[in-house]
Amino acid sequence: MRARDTDWEGVRLHVVTGKGGTGKTTVAAALALALSYNGGKVLLIEVEGRQGIARLFDCPPLPYAERKVGIGLGKDGRTGGDLYALAVDPEGALLDYLDMFYGLRHAGQALTRLGLVDFATTIAPGLSDVLRTGKATEAARRKAGGREVYDAVVMDAPPTGRIGRFLNVSVEVSGLAKVGPVRNHADTVARVIRSPQTAVHFVTTLEEMPIQETLDGLAELRSLGLQLGGIFINKVHPDGLAEADLKAAAEGRTNEAEIALGLKAAGLADAQTLAAGLAIELGEHARNVALQERERRELAAAGQPRYELPAITDGIDLGGLYRLAEVLRNQGAA
């Protein structure tokens, strides 16, 4: 893959988190497409079992296997790289673990039939997180023929409220195993997650609660010593008015007579009443724009790179994902 201009040169594992409803999975998928630009091979991993990636790419539910789901962006309209996806479940990850370290895949399958795998991950939820993060870190480190199999791995991670505990695997597993293969595996995972090769990105919208969760999440991960990534501001609507018009509308100085004349010229009846209603809506819109600018300043104070993605009002399909991926590339996120 050719070199590219990106804010995240050297990062191989991109962890994407965000408050529910902000479009976290959509942004993770768009980022993965952007990273597969011009020949890159990228793996997109889902760890929550919601099959959100399959719905976005309009493909059957993903198994616990790496499947090609798309082709990335290409320069000047040419075909880009390959995008693979994987839905991680604790059971499959545990079978992988048993096979990798003990050659016991068949024994693990027998344990699955007996229900012991579910029992183990239920009584030790920290183990479940280690197994899921372990699959992502293994894919990021995997080599064949002396070079990395994937140019980048993108993980659609749990929401902001759980991301610190999810990624702090070495602490989570300390109560399960002080020594031995489980602890060694957790320590390997932790080293990758805490290395410069991993960055944790936050998805938000310009609303008070998602922004507060983002700021809290940034502070938590900073205290844990993890590398913070970018802030992806999703579902951004255009202002639609010049700055002077927005200021006038916010202050209640919209010229209703001028609006009424325009409506009347367009052949609309009761133009004066319509103009009054539009003036009220313009005022609300202008005040919302002012609030969003304040929220942008709050995010800017966090000191991380920020990227803005437009709202796609007619639903996200594959075309919409490519559009968002192009926006991310143009802004240097990939």
C-alpha atoms as a PDB file:
ATOM      1  CA  MET A   1       0.000   0.000   0.000  1.00  0.00           C
ATOM      2  CA  ARG A   2       1.292   3.451  -0.853  1.00  0.00           C
ATOM      3  CA  ALA A   3       2.079   5.965   1.867  1.00  0.00           C
ATOM      4  CA  ARG A   4      -0.725   8.359   2.719  1.00  0.00           C
ATOM      5  CA  ASP A   5      -1.124  11.641   4.530  1.00  0.00           C
ATOM      6  CA  THR A   6      -2.898  10.824   7.779  1.00  0.00           C
ATOM      7  CA  ASP A   7      -3.024  12.051  11.348  1.00  0.00           C
ATOM      8  CA  TRP A   8      -2.517   8.447  12.511  1.00  0.00           C
ATOM      9  CA  GLU A   9       0.630   7.281  10.779  1.00  0.00           C
ATOM     10  CA  GLY A  10       1.921   4.153  12.519  1.00  0.00           C
ATOM     11  CA  VAL A  11      -1.433   3.261  14.118  1.00  0.00           C
ATOM     12  CA  ARG A  12      -2.487  -0.269  13.212  1.00  0.00           C
ATOM     13  CA  LEU A  13      -5.384  -0.833  15.602  1.00  0.00           C
ATOM     14  CA  HIS A  14      -8.143   1.792  15.538  1.00  0.00           C
ATOM     15  CA  VAL A  15     -10.619   1.373  18.403  1.00  0.00           C
ATOM     16  CA  VAL A  16     -13.894   3.242  17.822  1.00  0.00           C
ATOM     17  CA  THR A  17     -16.225   4.052  20.713  1.00  0.00           C
ATOM     18  CA  GLY A  18     -19.081   6.473  21.310  1.00  0.00           C
ATOM     19  CA  LYS A  19     -22.377   6.965  23.068  1.00  0.00           C
ATOM     20  CA  GLY A  20     -25.269   4.911  21.740  1.00  0.00           C
ATOM     21  CA  GLY A  21     -27.129   6.683  18.953  1.00  0.00           C
ATOM     22  CA  THR A  22     -24.150   8.668  17.685  1.00  0.00           C
ATOM     23  CA  GLY A  23     -23.503   6.341  14.732  1.00  0.00           C
ATOM     24  CA  LYS A  24     -20.456   4.567  16.164  1.00  0.00           C
ATOM     25  CA  THR A  25     -20.735   1.510  13.910  1.00  0.00           C
ATOM     26  CA  THR A  26     -21.305   3.638  10.813  1.00  0.00           C
ATOM     27  CA  VAL A  27     -18.213   5.735  11.554  1.00  0.00           C
ATOM     28  CA  ALA A  28     -16.126   2.614  12.234  1.00  0.00           C
ATOM     29  CA  ALA A  29     -17.187   1.169   8.862  1.00  0.00           C
ATOM     30  CA  ALA A  30     -16.474   4.442   7.039  1.00  0.00           C
ATOM     31  CA  LEU A  31     -13.055   4.672   8.699  1.00  0.00           C
ATOM     32  CA  ALA A  32     -12.258   1.096   7.644  1.00  0.00           C
ATOM     33  CA  LEU A  33     -13.210   1.909   4.041  1.00  0.00           C
ATOM     34  CA  ALA A  34     -11.067   5.038   4.137  1.00  0.00           C
ATOM     35  CA  LEU A  35      -8.088   3.082   5.499  1.00  0.00           C
ATOM     36  CA  SER A  36      -8.356   0.575   2.647  1.00  0.00           C
ATOM     37  CA  TYR A  37      -7.620   3.363   0.155  1.00  0.00           C
ATOM     38  CA  ASN A  38      -5.396   2.558  -2.804  1.00  0.00           C
ATOM     39  CA  GLY A  39      -4.648  -1.075  -2.053  1.00  0.00           C
ATOM     40  CA  GLY A  40      -4.800  -1.369   1.715  1.00  0.00           C
ATOM     41  CA  LYS A  41      -6.137  -4.547   3.300  1.00  0.00           C
ATOM     42  CA  VAL A  42      -8.234  -3.730   6.356  1.00  0.00           C
ATOM     43  CA  LEU A  43     -10.155  -5.807   8.903  1.00  0.00           C
ATOM     44  CA  LEU A  44     -13.287  -4.392  10.551  1.00  0.00           C
ATOM     45  CA  ILE A  45     -14.196  -6.158  13.798  1.00  0.00           C
ATOM     46  CA  GLU A  46     -17.476  -6.091  15.701  1.00  0.00           C
ATOM     47  CA  VAL A  47     -17.408  -7.247  19.336  1.00  0.00           C
ATOM     48  CA  GLU A  48     -20.955  -6.684  20.621  1.00  0.00           C
ATOM     49  CA  GLY A  49     -22.876  -9.290  18.621  1.00  0.00           C
ATOM     50  CA  ARG A  50     -25.349  -6.826  17.075  1.00  0.00           C
ATOM     51  CA  GLN A  51     -24.489  -7.641  13.431  1.00  0.00           C
ATOM     52  CA  GLY A  52     -24.479  -3.927  12.660  1.00  0.00           C
ATOM     53  CA  ILE A  53     -21.662  -4.344  10.129  1.00  0.00           C
ATOM     54  CA  ALA A  54     -23.620  -6.947   8.162  1.00  0.00           C
ATOM     55  CA  ARG A  55     -26.592  -4.595   7.922  1.00  0.00           C
ATOM     56  CA  LEU A  56     -24.435  -1.699   6.749  1.00  0.00           C
ATOM     57  CA  PHE A  57     -22.837  -3.774   3.979  1.00  0.00           C
ATOM     58  CA  ASP A  58     -26.100  -5.559   3.142  1.00  0.00           C
ATOM     59  CA  CYS A  59     -24.611  -9.009   3.591  1.00  0.00           C
ATOM     60  CA  PRO A  60     -25.638 -12.113   5.579  1.00  0.00           C
ATOM     61  CA  PRO A  61     -24.873 -12.164   9.318  1.00  0.00           C
ATOM     62  CA  LEU A  62     -21.136 -12.406   9.881  1.00  0.00           C
ATOM     63  CA  PRO A  63     -19.784 -15.643  11.329  1.00  0.00           C
ATOM     64  CA  TYR A  64     -16.722 -15.927  13.511  1.00  0.00           C
ATOM     65  CA  ALA A  65     -14.537 -15.839  10.409  1.00  0.00           C
ATOM     66  CA  GLU A  66     -12.895 -13.088   8.405  1.00  0.00           C
ATOM     67  CA  ARG A  67     -15.033 -12.428   5.328  1.00  0.00           C
ATOM     68  CA  LYS A  68     -14.545  -9.921   2.526  1.00  0.00           C
ATOM     69  CA  VAL A  69     -17.408  -7.420   2.610  1.00  0.00           C
ATOM     70  CA  GLY A  70     -16.251  -4.576   0.394  1.00  0.00           C
ATOM     71  CA  ILE A  71     -13.683  -2.825  -1.740  1.00  0.00           C
ATOM     72  CA  GLY A  72     -12.061   0.333  -0.458  1.00  0.00           C
ATOM     73  CA  LEU A  73     -11.662   3.720  -2.028  1.00  0.00           C
ATOM     74  CA  GLY A  74      -9.322   4.054  -4.983  1.00  0.00           C
ATOM     75  CA  LYS A  75      -7.429   7.030  -6.306  1.00  0.00           C
ATOM     76  CA  ASP A  76      -8.996   8.759  -9.328  1.00  0.00           C
ATOM     77  CA  GLY A  77     -11.883   6.329  -9.390  1.00  0.00           C
ATOM     78  CA  ARG A  78      -9.702   3.209  -9.469  1.00  0.00           C
ATOM     79  CA  THR A  79     -10.420   0.173  -7.306  1.00  0.00           C
ATOM     80  CA  GLY A  80      -9.015   0.364  -3.809  1.00  0.00           C
ATOM     81  CA  GLY A  81      -8.024  -2.289  -1.308  1.00  0.00           C
ATOM     82  CA  ASP A  82      -9.981  -5.097   0.300  1.00  0.00           C
ATOM     83  CA  LEU A  83     -12.177  -4.719   3.357  1.00  0.00           C
ATOM     84  CA  TYR A  84     -12.757  -7.776   5.514  1.00  0.00           C
ATOM     85  CA  ALA A  85     -15.094  -8.041   8.500  1.00  0.00           C
ATOM     86  CA  LEU A  86     -15.417 -10.297  11.511  1.00  0.00           C
ATOM     87  CA  ALA A  87     -18.004 -10.619  14.271  1.00  0.00           C
ATOM     88  CA  VAL A  88     -16.209 -11.754  17.428  1.00  0.00           C
ATOM     89  CA  ASP A  89     -18.054 -13.794  20.023  1.00  0.00           C
ATOM     90  CA  PRO A  90     -16.498 -14.995  23.290  1.00  0.00           C
ATOM     91  CA  GLU A  91     -17.142 -18.638  22.454  1.00  0.00           C
ATOM     92  CA  GLY A  92     -15.302 -18.503  19.132  1.00  0.00           C
ATOM     93  CA  ALA A  93     -12.506 -16.456  20.670  1.00  0.00           C
ATOM     94  CA  LEU A  94     -12.098 -18.994  23.481  1.00  0.00           C
ATOM     95  CA  LEU A  95     -11.874 -21.838  20.956  1.00  0.00           C
ATOM     96  CA  ASP A  96      -9.211 -19.850  19.112  1.00  0.00           C
ATOM     97  CA  TYR A  97      -7.346 -19.359  22.394  1.00  0.00           C
ATOM     98  CA  LEU A  98      -7.471 -23.052  23.287  1.00  0.00           C
ATOM     99  CA  ASP A  99      -6.284 -23.977  19.804  1.00  0.00           C
ATOM    100  CA  MET A 100      -3.500 -21.354  19.687  1.00  0.00           C
ATOM    101  CA  PHE A 101      -1.969 -22.140  23.063  1.00  0.00           C
ATOM    102  CA  TYR A 102      -2.933 -25.773  23.714  1.00  0.00           C
ATOM    103  CA  GLY A 103      -4.062 -27.313  20.384  1.00  0.00           C
ATOM    104  CA  LEU A 104      -7.400 -28.090  22.039  1.00  0.00           C
ATOM    105  CA  ARG A 105      -9.949 -26.776  19.510  1.00  0.00           C
ATOM    106  CA  HIS A 106     -11.795 -30.102  19.363  1.00  0.00           C
ATOM    107  CA  ALA A 107     -11.851 -30.340  23.130  1.00  0.00           C
ATOM    108  CA  GLY A 108     -13.143 -26.766  23.246  1.00  0.00           C
ATOM    109  CA  GLN A 109     -15.956 -27.663  20.880  1.00  0.00           C
ATOM    110  CA  ALA A 110     -16.919 -30.472  23.228  1.00  0.00           C
ATOM    111  CA  LEU A 111     -16.889 -28.002  26.124  1.00  0.00           C
ATOM    112  CA  THR A 112     -19.165 -25.735  24.102  1.00  0.00           C
ATOM    113  CA  ARG A 113     -21.696 -28.532  23.691  1.00  0.00           C
ATOM    114  CA  LEU A 114     -21.623 -29.045  27.444  1.00  0.00           C
ATOM    115  CA  GLY A 115     -22.203 -25.344  28.064  1.00  0.00           C
ATOM    116  CA  LEU A 116     -18.932 -24.890  29.945  1.00  0.00           C
ATOM    117  CA  VAL A 117     -17.698 -22.088  27.694  1.00  0.00           C
ATOM    118  CA  ASP A 118     -20.759 -19.973  28.500  1.00  0.00           C
ATOM    119  CA  PHE A 119     -20.296 -20.824  32.163  1.00  0.00           C
ATOM    120  CA  ALA A 120     -16.638 -19.751  32.134  1.00  0.00           C
ATOM    121  CA  THR A 121     -17.256 -16.409  30.410  1.00  0.00           C
ATOM    122  CA  THR A 122     -20.283 -15.673  32.604  1.00  0.00           C
ATOM    123  CA  ILE A 123     -18.524 -16.156  35.927  1.00  0.00           C
ATOM    124  CA  ALA A 124     -15.439 -14.350  34.624  1.00  0.00           C
ATOM    125  CA  PRO A 125     -16.638 -11.428  32.449  1.00  0.00           C
ATOM    126  CA  GLY A 126     -13.121 -10.013  32.410  1.00  0.00           C
ATOM    127  CA  LEU A 127     -12.045 -13.128  30.509  1.00  0.00           C
ATOM    128  CA  SER A 128     -14.663 -12.397  27.842  1.00  0.00           C
ATOM    129  CA  ASP A 129     -13.215  -8.928  27.266  1.00  0.00           C
ATOM    130  CA  VAL A 130      -9.677 -10.311  27.095  1.00  0.00           C
ATOM    131  CA  LEU A 131     -10.747 -12.822  24.461  1.00  0.00           C
ATOM    132  CA  ARG A 132     -12.534 -10.215  22.320  1.00  0.00           C
ATOM    133  CA  THR A 133      -9.770  -7.624  22.491  1.00  0.00           C
ATOM    134  CA  GLY A 134      -7.271 -10.418  22.001  1.00  0.00           C
ATOM    135  CA  LYS A 135      -8.690 -11.248  18.593  1.00  0.00           C
ATOM    136  CA  ALA A 136      -8.283  -7.638  17.444  1.00  0.00           C
ATOM    137  CA  THR A 137      -4.724  -7.365  18.722  1.00  0.00           C
ATOM    138  CA  GLU A 138      -3.799 -10.727  17.185  1.00  0.00           C
ATOM    139  CA  ALA A 139      -5.114  -9.584  13.790  1.00  0.00           C
ATOM    140  CA  ALA A 140      -3.162  -6.329  14.070  1.00  0.00           C
ATOM    141  CA  ARG A 141       0.065  -8.258  14.786  1.00  0.00           C
ATOM    142  CA  ARG A 142      -0.481 -11.180  12.396  1.00  0.00           C
ATOM    143  CA  LYS A 143       2.173 -11.706   9.710  1.00  0.00           C
ATOM    144  CA  ALA A 144       2.540 -13.896   6.649  1.00  0.00           C
ATOM    145  CA  GLY A 145       5.645 -14.071   4.531  1.00  0.00           C
ATOM    146  CA  GLY A 146       7.387 -11.546   6.732  1.00  0.00           C
ATOM    147  CA  ARG A 147       4.793  -8.745   6.415  1.00  0.00           C
ATOM    148  CA  GLU A 148       1.586  -7.827   8.180  1.00  0.00           C
ATOM    149  CA  VAL A 149      -1.545  -9.511   6.856  1.00  0.00           C
ATOM    150  CA  TYR A 150      -3.643  -6.385   7.484  1.00  0.00           C
ATOM    151  CA  ASP A 151      -2.544  -2.808   6.962  1.00  0.00           C
ATOM    152  CA  ALA A 152      -5.004  -1.740   9.664  1.00  0.00           C
ATOM    153  CA  VAL A 153      -7.626  -3.200  11.984  1.00  0.00           C
ATOM    154  CA  VAL A 154     -10.698  -1.219  13.056  1.00  0.00           C
ATOM    155  CA  MET A 155     -12.633  -2.361  16.111  1.00  0.00           C
ATOM    156  CA  ASP A 156     -16.257  -1.304  16.591  1.00  0.00           C
ATOM    157  CA  ALA A 157     -15.910  -1.295  20.375  1.00  0.00           C
ATOM    158  CA  PRO A 158     -18.426  -1.032  23.243  1.00  0.00           C
ATOM    159  CA  PRO A 159     -19.977   2.368  24.092  1.00  0.00           C
ATOM    160  CA  THR A 160     -18.092   5.130  25.873  1.00  0.00           C
ATOM    161  CA  GLY A 161     -19.450   4.227  29.291  1.00  0.00           C
ATOM    162  CA  ARG A 162     -17.786   0.786  29.151  1.00  0.00           C
ATOM    163  CA  ILE A 163     -14.720   1.445  27.031  1.00  0.00           C
ATOM    164  CA  GLY A 164     -12.256   2.006  29.891  1.00  0.00           C
ATOM    165  CA  ARG A 165     -13.037  -1.282  31.585  1.00  0.00           C
ATOM    166  CA  PHE A 166     -13.159  -3.112  28.248  1.00  0.00           C
ATOM    167  CA  LEU A 167      -9.674  -1.971  27.231  1.00  0.00           C
ATOM    168  CA  ASN A 168      -8.041  -2.169  30.651  1.00  0.00           C
ATOM    169  CA  VAL A 169      -7.692  -5.916  30.229  1.00  0.00           C
ATOM    170  CA  SER A 170      -4.596  -6.481  32.356  1.00  0.00           C
ATOM    171  CA  VAL A 171      -6.409  -5.149  35.430  1.00  0.00           C
ATOM    172  CA  GLU A 172      -9.613  -7.008  34.617  1.00  0.00           C
ATOM    173  CA  VAL A 173      -7.848 -10.345  34.385  1.00  0.00           C
ATOM    174  CA  SER A 174      -5.669  -9.887  37.479  1.00  0.00           C
ATOM    175  CA  GLY A 175      -8.358 -11.367  39.684  1.00  0.00           C
ATOM    176  CA  LEU A 176      -8.622 -14.398  37.425  1.00  0.00           C
ATOM    177  CA  ALA A 177      -5.012 -15.383  37.014  1.00  0.00           C
ATOM    178  CA  LYS A 178      -1.813 -14.101  38.583  1.00  0.00           C
ATOM    179  CA  VAL A 179       0.435 -16.280  36.408  1.00  0.00           C
ATOM    180  CA  GLY A 180       0.149 -18.756  33.577  1.00  0.00           C
ATOM    181  CA  PRO A 181      -1.092 -18.660  29.965  1.00  0.00           C
ATOM    182  CA  VAL A 182      -4.243 -16.646  30.678  1.00  0.00           C
ATOM    183  CA  ARG A 183      -2.251 -13.914  32.379  1.00  0.00           C
ATOM    184  CA  ASN A 184       0.445 -14.023  29.692  1.00  0.00           C
ATOM    185  CA  HIS A 185      -2.197 -13.672  26.982  1.00  0.00           C
ATOM    186  CA  ALA A 186      -3.803 -10.726  28.798  1.00  0.00           C
ATOM    187  CA  ASP A 187      -0.425  -9.037  29.194  1.00  0.00           C
ATOM    188  CA  THR A 188       0.272  -9.422  25.457  1.00  0.00           C
ATOM    189  CA  VAL A 189      -3.107  -7.897  24.626  1.00  0.00           C
ATOM    190  CA  ALA A 190      -2.488  -5.050  27.066  1.00  0.00           C
ATOM    191  CA  ARG A 191       0.924  -4.278  25.554  1.00  0.00           C
ATOM    192  CA  VAL A 192      -0.622  -3.853  22.102  1.00  0.00           C
ATOM    193  CA  ILE A 193      -3.516  -1.750  23.373  1.00  0.00           C
ATOM    194  CA  ARG A 194      -1.157   0.512  25.323  1.00  0.00           C
ATOM    195  CA  SER A 195       1.339   0.819  22.476  1.00  0.00           C
ATOM    196  CA  PRO A 196       1.630   3.666  19.942  1.00  0.00           C
ATOM    197  CA  GLN A 197       0.165   1.248  17.376  1.00  0.00           C
ATOM    198  CA  THR A 198      -3.287   1.605  18.963  1.00  0.00           C
ATOM    199  CA  ALA A 199      -5.514   4.697  19.108  1.00  0.00           C
ATOM    200  CA  VAL A 200      -8.975   5.031  20.637  1.00  0.00           C
ATOM    201  CA  HIS A 201     -11.326   7.262  18.641  1.00  0.00           C
ATOM    202  CA  PHE A 202     -14.546   8.799  19.984  1.00  0.00           C
ATOM    203  CA  VAL A 203     -17.756   9.333  18.006  1.00  0.00           C
ATOM    204  CA  THR A 204     -20.144  12.071  19.111  1.00  0.00           C
ATOM    205  CA  THR A 205     -22.837  14.380  17.856  1.00  0.00           C
ATOM    206  CA  LEU A 206     -23.171  18.077  18.637  1.00  0.00           C
ATOM    207  CA  GLU A 207     -25.460  17.423  21.591  1.00  0.00           C
ATOM    208  CA  GLU A 208     -24.834  17.951  25.272  1.00  0.00           C
ATOM    209  CA  MET A 209     -24.972  14.360  26.569  1.00  0.00           C
ATOM    210  CA  PRO A 210     -22.819  12.691  23.885  1.00  0.00           C
ATOM    211  CA  ILE A 211     -20.252  15.485  24.197  1.00  0.00           C
ATOM    212  CA  GLN A 212     -20.091  15.144  27.978  1.00  0.00           C
ATOM    213  CA  GLU A 213     -19.659  11.369  27.663  1.00  0.00           C
ATOM    214  CA  THR A 214     -16.895  11.944  25.120  1.00  0.00           C
ATOM    215  CA  LEU A 215     -15.056  14.348  27.411  1.00  0.00           C
ATOM    216  CA  ASP A 216     -15.467  11.977  30.369  1.00  0.00           C
ATOM    217  CA  GLY A 217     -14.249   9.059  28.246  1.00  0.00           C
ATOM    218  CA  LEU A 218     -11.199  10.984  27.073  1.00  0.00           C
ATOM    219  CA  ALA A 219     -10.328  11.834  30.664  1.00  0.00           C
ATOM    220  CA  GLU A 220     -10.756   8.213  31.783  1.00  0.00           C
ATOM    221  CA  LEU A 221      -8.570   6.767  29.028  1.00  0.00           C
ATOM    222  CA  ARG A 222      -5.969   9.468  29.574  1.00  0.00           C
ATOM    223  CA  SER A 223      -5.785   8.423  33.232  1.00  0.00           C
ATOM    224  CA  LEU A 224      -5.330   4.796  32.137  1.00  0.00           C
ATOM    225  CA  GLY A 225      -2.396   5.755  29.933  1.00  0.00           C
ATOM    226  CA  LEU A 226      -4.029   4.776  26.627  1.00  0.00           C
ATOM    227  CA  GLN A 227      -3.333   6.648  23.402  1.00  0.00           C
ATOM    228  CA  LEU A 228      -6.247   8.921  22.568  1.00  0.00           C
ATOM    229  CA  GLY A 229      -7.372   9.134  18.964  1.00  0.00           C
ATOM    230  CA  GLY A 230      -9.597  11.560  17.129  1.00  0.00           C
ATOM    231  CA  ILE A 231     -13.042  12.967  17.855  1.00  0.00           C
ATOM    232  CA  PHE A 232     -15.466  12.149  15.050  1.00  0.00           C
ATOM    233  CA  ILE A 233     -18.379  14.595  15.070  1.00  0.00           C
ATOM    234  CA  ASN A 234     -21.137  12.752  13.264  1.00  0.00           C
ATOM    235  CA  LYS A 235     -24.479  13.803  11.726  1.00  0.00           C
ATOM    236  CA  VAL A 236     -23.518  17.444  11.203  1.00  0.00           C
ATOM    237  CA  HIS A 237     -26.173  19.570   9.481  1.00  0.00           C
ATOM    238  CA  PRO A 238     -25.107  22.608   7.432  1.00  0.00           C
ATOM    239  CA  ASP A 239     -25.798  26.002   8.978  1.00  0.00           C
ATOM    240  CA  GLY A 240     -27.695  27.052   5.866  1.00  0.00           C
ATOM    241  CA  LEU A 241     -27.470  30.805   6.526  1.00  0.00           C
ATOM    242  CA  ALA A 242     -24.806  33.474   6.421  1.00  0.00           C
ATOM    243  CA  GLU A 243     -23.308  34.461   9.787  1.00  0.00           C
ATOM    244  CA  ALA A 244     -25.031  37.875   9.773  1.00  0.00           C
ATOM    245  CA  ASP A 245     -28.429  36.285   9.070  1.00  0.00           C
ATOM    246  CA  LEU A 246     -27.924  33.732  11.837  1.00  0.00           C
ATOM    247  CA  LYS A 247     -27.054  36.503  14.284  1.00  0.00           C
ATOM    248  CA  ALA A 248     -30.134  38.511  13.307  1.00  0.00           C
ATOM    249  CA  ALA A 249     -32.394  35.464  13.592  1.00  0.00           C
ATOM    250  CA  ALA A 250     -31.000  34.537  17.021  1.00  0.00           C
ATOM    251  CA  GLU A 251     -31.699  38.076  18.233  1.00  0.00           C
ATOM    252  CA  GLY A 252     -35.257  38.097  16.825  1.00  0.00           C
ATOM    253  CA  ARG A 253     -34.437  40.603  14.088  1.00  0.00           C
ATOM    254  CA  THR A 254     -35.548  38.527  11.094  1.00  0.00           C
ATOM    255  CA  ASN A 255     -37.256  40.679   8.453  1.00  0.00           C
ATOM    256  CA  GLU A 256     -40.695  39.041   8.284  1.00  0.00           C
ATOM    257  CA  ALA A 257     -41.943  41.511   5.655  1.00  0.00           C
ATOM    258  CA  GLU A 258     -39.127  40.557   3.298  1.00  0.00           C
ATOM    259  CA  ILE A 259     -39.861  36.854   3.820  1.00  0.00           C
ATOM    260  CA  ALA A 260     -43.571  37.468   3.206  1.00  0.00           C
ATOM    261  CA  LEU A 261     -42.814  39.246  -0.064  1.00  0.00           C
ATOM    262  CA  GLY A 262     -40.751  36.284  -1.229  1.00  0.00           C
ATOM    263  CA  LEU A 263     -43.489  33.823  -0.275  1.00  0.00           C
ATOM    264  CA  LYS A 264     -46.123  35.921  -1.997  1.00  0.00           C
ATOM    265  CA  ALA A 265     -43.992  36.131  -5.147  1.00  0.00           C
ATOM    266  CA  ALA A 266     -43.793  32.331  -5.090  1.00  0.00           C
ATOM    267  CA  GLY A 267     -47.606  32.234  -5.210  1.00  0.00           C
ATOM    268  CA  LEU A 268     -48.181  31.035  -1.642  1.00  0.00           C
ATOM    269  CA  ALA A 269     -51.366  32.089   0.106  1.00  0.00           C
ATOM    270  CA  ASP A 270     -51.413  33.694   3.584  1.00  0.00           C
ATOM    271  CA  ALA A 271     -47.776  34.712   3.143  1.00  0.00           C
ATOM    272  CA  GLN A 272     -47.741  36.893   6.261  1.00  0.00           C
ATOM    273  CA  THR A 273     -48.718  34.026   8.578  1.00  0.00           C
ATOM    274  CA  LEU A 274     -46.199  31.699   6.937  1.00  0.00           C
ATOM    275  CA  ALA A 275     -43.496  34.362   7.278  1.00  0.00           C
ATOM    276  CA  ALA A 276     -44.174  34.696  11.011  1.00  0.00           C
ATOM    277  CA  GLY A 277     -43.860  30.931  11.484  1.00  0.00           C
ATOM    278  CA  LEU A 278     -40.658  30.799   9.445  1.00  0.00           C
ATOM    279  CA  ALA A 279     -39.174  33.642  11.491  1.00  0.00           C
ATOM    280  CA  ILE A 280     -39.774  31.635  14.680  1.00  0.00           C
ATOM    281  CA  GLU A 281     -38.166  28.537  13.142  1.00  0.00           C
ATOM    282  CA  LEU A 282     -35.208  30.578  11.925  1.00  0.00           C
ATOM    283  CA  GLY A 283     -34.701  31.915  15.432  1.00  0.00           C
ATOM    284  CA  GLU A 284     -34.685  28.385  16.881  1.00  0.00           C
ATOM    285  CA  HIS A 285     -32.297  27.205  14.178  1.00  0.00           C
ATOM    286  CA  ALA A 286     -29.931  30.115  14.815  1.00  0.00           C
ATOM    287  CA  ARG A 287     -29.896  29.438  18.555  1.00  0.00           C
ATOM    288  CA  ASN A 288     -29.165  25.751  17.901  1.00  0.00           C
ATOM    289  CA  VAL A 289     -26.290  26.735  15.627  1.00  0.00           C
ATOM    290  CA  ALA A 290     -24.909  28.956  18.391  1.00  0.00           C
ATOM    291  CA  LEU A 291     -25.164  26.067  20.890  1.00  0.00           C
ATOM    292  CA  GLN A 292     -23.371  23.771  18.471  1.00  0.00           C
ATOM    293  CA  GLU A 293     -20.556  26.271  18.098  1.00  0.00           C
ATOM    294  CA  ARG A 294     -20.179  26.342  21.873  1.00  0.00           C
ATOM    295  CA  GLU A 295     -20.084  22.530  21.896  1.00  0.00           C
ATOM    296  CA  ARG A 296     -17.432  22.555  19.160  1.00  0.00           C
ATOM    297  CA  ARG A 297     -15.308  24.796  21.374  1.00  0.00           C
ATOM    298  CA  GLU A 298     -15.683  22.337  24.260  1.00  0.00           C
ATOM    299  CA  LEU A 299     -14.473  19.514  22.055  1.00  0.00           C
ATOM    300  CA  ALA A 300     -11.617  21.637  20.718  1.00  0.00           C
ATOM    301  CA  ALA A 301     -10.431  22.199  24.282  1.00  0.00           C
ATOM    302  CA  ALA A 302      -9.815  18.448  24.603  1.00  0.00           C
ATOM    303  CA  GLY A 303      -6.866  18.904  22.256  1.00  0.00           C
ATOM    304  CA  GLN A 304      -7.512  15.923  19.964  1.00  0.00           C
ATOM    305  CA  PRO A 305      -7.882  16.013  16.161  1.00  0.00           C
ATOM    306  CA  ARG A 306     -11.515  16.510  15.145  1.00  0.00           C
ATOM    307  CA  TYR A 307     -13.362  15.362  12.041  1.00  0.00           C
ATOM    308  CA  GLU A 308     -16.874  16.348  10.957  1.00  0.00           C
ATOM    309  CA  LEU A 309     -19.147  13.989   9.071  1.00  0.00           C
ATOM    310  CA  PRO A 310     -22.301  15.247   7.326  1.00  0.00           C
ATOM    311  CA  ALA A 311     -25.748  14.045   8.275  1.00  0.00           C
ATOM    312  CA  ILE A 312     -27.114  11.651   5.654  1.00  0.00           C
ATOM    313  CA  THR A 313     -30.854  12.074   5.988  1.00  0.00           C
ATOM    314  CA  ASP A 314     -32.028   9.444   3.492  1.00  0.00           C
ATOM    315  CA  GLY A 315     -30.471   6.511   5.367  1.00  0.00           C
ATOM    316  CA  ILE A 316     -27.017   4.950   5.340  1.00  0.00           C
ATOM    317  CA  ASP A 317     -26.324   2.560   2.495  1.00  0.00           C
ATOM    318  CA  LEU A 318     -23.067   1.514   0.870  1.00  0.00           C
ATOM    319  CA  GLY A 319     -23.001   4.700  -1.197  1.00  0.00           C
ATOM    320  CA  GLY A 320     -23.362   6.728   1.988  1.00  0.00           C
ATOM    321  CA  LEU A 321     -20.470   4.833   3.605  1.00  0.00           C
ATOM    322  CA  TYR A 322     -18.206   5.616   0.646  1.00  0.00           C
ATOM    323  CA  ARG A 323     -19.220   9.256   0.876  1.00  0.00           C
ATOM    324  CA  LEU A 324     -18.301   9.370   4.577  1.00  0.00           C
ATOM    325  CA  ALA A 325     -15.044   7.516   3.897  1.00  0.00           C
ATOM    326  CA  GLU A 326     -14.074  10.131   1.314  1.00  0.00           C
ATOM    327  CA  VAL A 327     -14.811  12.906   3.817  1.00  0.00           C
ATOM    328  CA  LEU A 328     -12.571  11.202   6.400  1.00  0.00           C
ATOM    329  CA  ARG A 329      -9.718  10.851   3.916  1.00  0.00           C
ATOM    330  CA  ASN A 330     -10.007  14.482   2.881  1.00  0.00           C
ATOM    331  CA  GLN A 331      -9.765  15.527   6.534  1.00  0.00           C
ATOM    332  CA  GLY A 332      -6.709  13.369   7.256  1.00  0.00           C
ATOM    333  CA  ALA A 333      -8.367  10.764   9.458  1.00  0.00           C
ATOM    334  CA  ALA A 334      -7.123   7.908   7.230  1.00  0.00           C
END
